[in-house]
Amino acid sequence: MRVVAYTRVSTREQAEGGHGLDAQRAEITRTAEARGWSVVAWREDAGVTGSRLSGRQGWDEAIELVESGEVDGIVATKIDRVSRSVRDFADLVCRAQANGWALVVLDVGLDLSTPMGKFVAHVLCAAAELERDMIGKRTKDGLAAAKAKGVRLGRPVSLPDDVARRVTTMRESGMTLAAIAQQLNDGGVPTARGGARWHPATIRAVLSRAS
């Protein structure tokens, strides 16, 4: 298996010793030799936090290598070298599984190139999907409960009553939605959201609320 080796230390870890990267390289090298992997590239982030996945140059380059097919997987020594966020890590495992590349994390024994690793990935992805579904259901139930209590959802409408009446009067006189919008634009009348441009759809919304 062709792999890109990824190493990382935070600013604090770097300041406390500076040997973290060397230790990670040595462990990956030993494992690669034992497993018969070919380490074709090394990428590192020195003095970079692991609180988020995106925005790390070394990590972003490692992802480009696997997703372009130049290598078959990414190898890291510890899960916190990759990410300190459980949710981000679960999403990463799902991404690897979906796109057909391997993620190997030595300290937890995760290797998506093996049958057991693929099983673990399946469980993690199922758990992540369940969590998203539960969050969505709680949000939906909360909105429904608020609506049942008469809570008005969405941004408040602040269109003055005289403008709403003016729109209604123009429509009742036979003017098209486009003509009403144009007249309000010509007069510099702001929309309910404070915008400078009226559109036929905006006029329709005002008339709908007034009916």
Protein backbone atom coordinates (compact mmCIF):
# COMPACT_ATOMS: atom_id res chain seq x y z
CA MET A 1 0.00 0.00 0.00
CA ARG A 2 1.29 3.46 -0.92
CA VAL A 3 0.81 5.89 1.92
CA VAL A 4 1.41 9.49 2.88
CA ALA A 5 2.66 9.80 6.45
CA TYR A 6 1.19 12.66 8.47
CA THR A 7 2.75 14.14 11.61
CA ARG A 8 1.73 17.09 13.75
CA VAL A 9 2.69 18.89 16.94
CA SER A 10 1.04 21.89 18.54
CA THR A 11 2.91 25.04 19.48
CA ARG A 12 3.00 23.96 23.14
CA GLU A 13 4.27 20.48 22.31
CA GLN A 14 6.89 21.92 20.01
CA ALA A 15 8.06 24.35 22.68
CA GLU A 16 8.25 21.63 25.35
CA GLY A 17 10.70 19.41 23.54
CA GLY A 18 10.73 19.49 19.79
CA HIS A 19 11.14 15.70 19.61
CA GLY A 20 7.50 14.92 18.88
CA LEU A 21 7.87 14.97 15.11
CA ASP A 22 10.97 12.77 15.17
CA ALA A 23 9.22 10.21 17.38
CA GLN A 24 6.20 10.13 15.09
CA ARG A 25 8.37 9.69 12.00
CA ALA A 26 10.26 6.83 13.64
CA GLU A 27 7.07 5.00 14.65
CA ILE A 28 5.52 5.35 11.21
CA THR A 29 8.73 4.20 9.54
CA ARG A 30 8.94 1.08 11.74
CA THR A 31 5.31 0.19 11.12
CA ALA A 32 5.58 0.77 7.37
CA GLU A 33 8.60 -1.53 7.14
CA ALA A 34 6.83 -4.22 9.16
CA ARG A 35 3.61 -3.96 7.15
CA GLY A 36 5.26 -3.63 3.75
CA TRP A 37 3.86 -0.17 3.05
CA SER A 38 5.61 2.27 0.76
CA VAL A 39 5.79 5.75 2.31
CA VAL A 40 5.83 7.90 -0.82
CA ALA A 41 5.32 11.26 0.88
CA TRP A 42 5.61 12.93 4.27
CA ARG A 43 3.43 15.84 5.32
CA GLU A 44 3.59 17.65 8.64
CA ASP A 45 2.07 20.54 10.56
CA ALA A 46 4.46 21.95 13.13
CA GLY A 47 3.04 24.27 15.76
CA VAL A 48 -0.53 23.79 14.55
CA THR A 49 -3.57 22.96 16.68
CA GLY A 50 -5.63 19.85 16.03
CA SER A 51 -8.93 21.43 17.00
CA ARG A 52 -10.11 21.48 13.38
CA LEU A 53 -9.27 19.56 10.24
CA SER A 54 -9.42 22.24 7.56
CA GLY A 55 -6.88 25.03 7.23
CA ARG A 56 -3.81 22.92 8.04
CA GLN A 57 -1.47 22.99 5.07
CA GLY A 58 0.17 19.63 5.70
CA TRP A 59 -3.14 17.89 6.32
CA ASP A 60 -4.81 19.50 3.30
CA GLU A 61 -1.92 18.32 1.10
CA ALA A 62 -2.23 14.78 2.50
CA ILE A 63 -5.94 14.77 1.64
CA GLU A 64 -5.17 15.95 -1.90
CA LEU A 65 -2.74 13.07 -2.35
CA VAL A 66 -5.23 10.36 -1.35
CA GLU A 67 -8.20 11.85 -3.16
CA SER A 68 -6.21 12.31 -6.36
CA GLY A 69 -5.21 8.64 -6.23
CA GLU A 70 -1.48 9.33 -5.91
CA VAL A 71 -1.42 7.31 -2.69
CA ASP A 72 -3.75 4.73 -1.16
CA GLY A 73 -3.96 6.01 2.39
CA ILE A 74 -2.89 8.34 5.17
CA VAL A 75 -0.99 7.09 8.22
CA ALA A 76 -0.77 8.93 11.55
CA THR A 77 0.55 7.76 14.92
CA LYS A 78 -2.31 8.96 17.13
CA ILE A 79 -5.90 9.97 16.71
CA ASP A 80 -5.25 13.40 18.25
CA ARG A 81 -2.56 14.03 15.63
CA VAL A 82 -5.38 13.97 13.09
CA SER A 83 -8.15 15.72 15.03
CA ARG A 84 -9.21 16.47 18.58
CA SER A 85 -12.87 16.57 17.53
CA VAL A 86 -14.71 13.25 17.71
CA ARG A 87 -17.33 14.44 15.23
CA ASP A 88 -14.72 15.66 12.74
CA PHE A 89 -12.85 12.38 13.02
CA ALA A 90 -16.02 10.34 12.44
CA ASP A 91 -16.82 12.46 9.38
CA LEU A 92 -13.27 11.90 8.12
CA VAL A 93 -13.64 8.12 8.47
CA CYS A 94 -16.89 8.28 6.49
CA ARG A 95 -15.18 10.39 3.83
CA ALA A 96 -12.34 7.89 3.51
CA GLN A 97 -14.75 4.99 3.26
CA ALA A 98 -16.92 6.73 0.67
CA ASN A 99 -13.97 7.78 -1.50
CA GLY A 100 -12.12 4.48 -1.29
CA TRP A 101 -8.92 5.42 0.49
CA ALA A 102 -7.45 4.09 3.72
CA LEU A 103 -6.98 5.91 6.99
CA VAL A 104 -4.57 4.32 9.44
CA VAL A 105 -4.21 5.53 13.04
CA LEU A 106 -1.65 3.46 14.93
CA ASP A 107 -2.54 4.12 18.59
CA VAL A 108 -6.16 2.98 18.23
CA GLY A 109 -5.42 0.21 15.74
CA LEU A 110 -7.65 1.73 13.06
CA ASP A 111 -6.80 0.58 9.54
CA LEU A 112 -9.45 1.05 6.88
CA SER A 113 -7.50 -1.17 4.51
CA THR A 114 -8.46 -4.22 6.60
CA PRO A 115 -11.84 -5.96 6.98
CA MET A 116 -12.00 -5.06 10.68
CA GLY A 117 -11.15 -1.44 9.90
CA LYS A 118 -13.91 -1.30 7.31
CA PHE A 119 -16.34 -2.69 9.89
CA VAL A 120 -15.30 -0.02 12.42
CA ALA A 121 -15.77 2.64 9.72
CA HIS A 122 -19.26 1.32 9.00
CA VAL A 123 -20.19 1.54 12.69
CA LEU A 124 -18.76 5.06 13.05
CA CYS A 125 -20.58 6.30 9.96
CA ALA A 126 -23.85 4.74 11.09
CA ALA A 127 -23.48 6.43 14.49
CA ALA A 128 -22.71 9.78 12.86
CA GLU A 129 -25.75 9.48 10.59
CA LEU A 130 -27.96 8.55 13.56
CA GLU A 131 -26.74 11.62 15.46
CA ARG A 132 -27.50 13.91 12.49
CA ASP A 133 -30.98 12.39 12.13
CA MET A 134 -31.69 12.85 15.85
CA ILE A 135 -30.53 16.47 15.76
CA GLY A 136 -32.75 17.08 12.74
CA LYS A 137 -35.74 15.47 14.44
CA ARG A 138 -35.22 17.51 17.64
CA THR A 139 -35.02 20.68 15.57
CA LYS A 140 -38.17 19.79 13.64
CA ASP A 141 -40.07 18.88 16.82
CA GLY A 142 -38.93 22.10 18.49
CA LEU A 143 -40.14 24.23 15.59
CA ALA A 144 -43.47 22.39 15.52
CA ALA A 145 -43.93 22.92 19.28
CA ALA A 146 -43.10 26.62 18.96
CA LYS A 147 -45.54 27.00 16.09
CA ALA A 148 -48.27 25.25 18.10
CA LYS A 149 -47.74 27.78 20.90
CA GLY A 150 -48.22 30.62 18.45
CA VAL A 151 -44.58 31.60 18.26
CA ARG A 152 -43.91 33.37 15.00
CA LEU A 153 -40.97 31.73 13.26
CA GLY A 154 -38.48 33.36 10.95
CA ARG A 155 -37.24 36.91 10.75
CA PRO A 156 -39.72 39.60 11.82
CA VAL A 157 -41.44 41.58 9.09
CA SER A 158 -41.00 45.32 9.52
CA LEU A 159 -42.83 46.67 6.47
CA PRO A 160 -44.78 49.80 7.47
CA ASP A 161 -48.56 49.45 7.30
CA ASP A 162 -48.87 52.36 4.87
CA VAL A 163 -46.54 50.66 2.38
CA ALA A 164 -48.47 47.39 2.67
CA ARG A 165 -51.73 49.25 2.06
CA ARG A 166 -50.17 51.03 -0.91
CA VAL A 167 -49.13 47.71 -2.44
CA THR A 168 -52.61 46.29 -1.92
CA THR A 169 -54.26 49.36 -3.45
CA MET A 170 -52.02 49.26 -6.52
CA ARG A 171 -52.75 45.58 -7.02
CA GLU A 172 -56.51 46.13 -6.66
CA SER A 173 -56.27 48.85 -9.32
CA GLY A 174 -55.05 46.25 -11.79
CA MET A 175 -51.29 46.86 -11.73
CA THR A 176 -49.03 43.88 -12.37
CA LEU A 177 -46.58 42.69 -9.75
CA ALA A 178 -43.69 43.90 -11.89
CA ALA A 179 -45.25 47.34 -12.31
CA ILE A 180 -45.80 47.69 -8.56
CA ALA A 181 -42.21 46.68 -7.87
CA GLN A 182 -40.92 49.17 -10.41
CA GLN A 183 -42.97 52.03 -8.95
CA LEU A 184 -41.70 51.32 -5.44
CA ASN A 185 -38.12 51.10 -6.72
CA ASP A 186 -38.54 54.41 -8.55
CA GLY A 187 -39.80 56.00 -5.35
CA GLY A 188 -36.90 54.65 -3.28
CA VAL A 189 -39.18 52.75 -0.91
CA PRO A 190 -37.18 50.19 1.14
CA THR A 191 -38.38 46.60 1.44
CA ALA A 192 -39.42 44.96 4.70
CA ARG A 193 -35.84 43.70 5.11
CA GLY A 194 -34.40 47.12 4.42
CA GLY A 195 -33.37 46.24 0.89
CA ALA A 196 -33.24 48.71 -1.96
CA ARG A 197 -34.86 46.58 -4.67
CA TRP A 198 -38.37 45.26 -4.96
CA HIS A 199 -39.15 42.25 -7.14
CA PRO A 200 -42.42 40.65 -8.25
CA ALA A 201 -41.85 37.84 -5.74
CA THR A 202 -41.43 40.43 -2.95
CA ILE A 203 -44.73 42.06 -3.90
CA ARG A 204 -46.44 38.67 -3.95
CA ALA A 205 -45.19 37.98 -0.42
CA VAL A 206 -46.57 41.30 0.84
CA LEU A 207 -49.94 40.60 -0.74
CA SER A 208 -49.98 37.09 0.71
CA ARG A 209 -49.41 38.40 4.23
CA ALA A 210 -52.08 41.06 3.75
CA SER A 211 -54.74 38.59 2.59
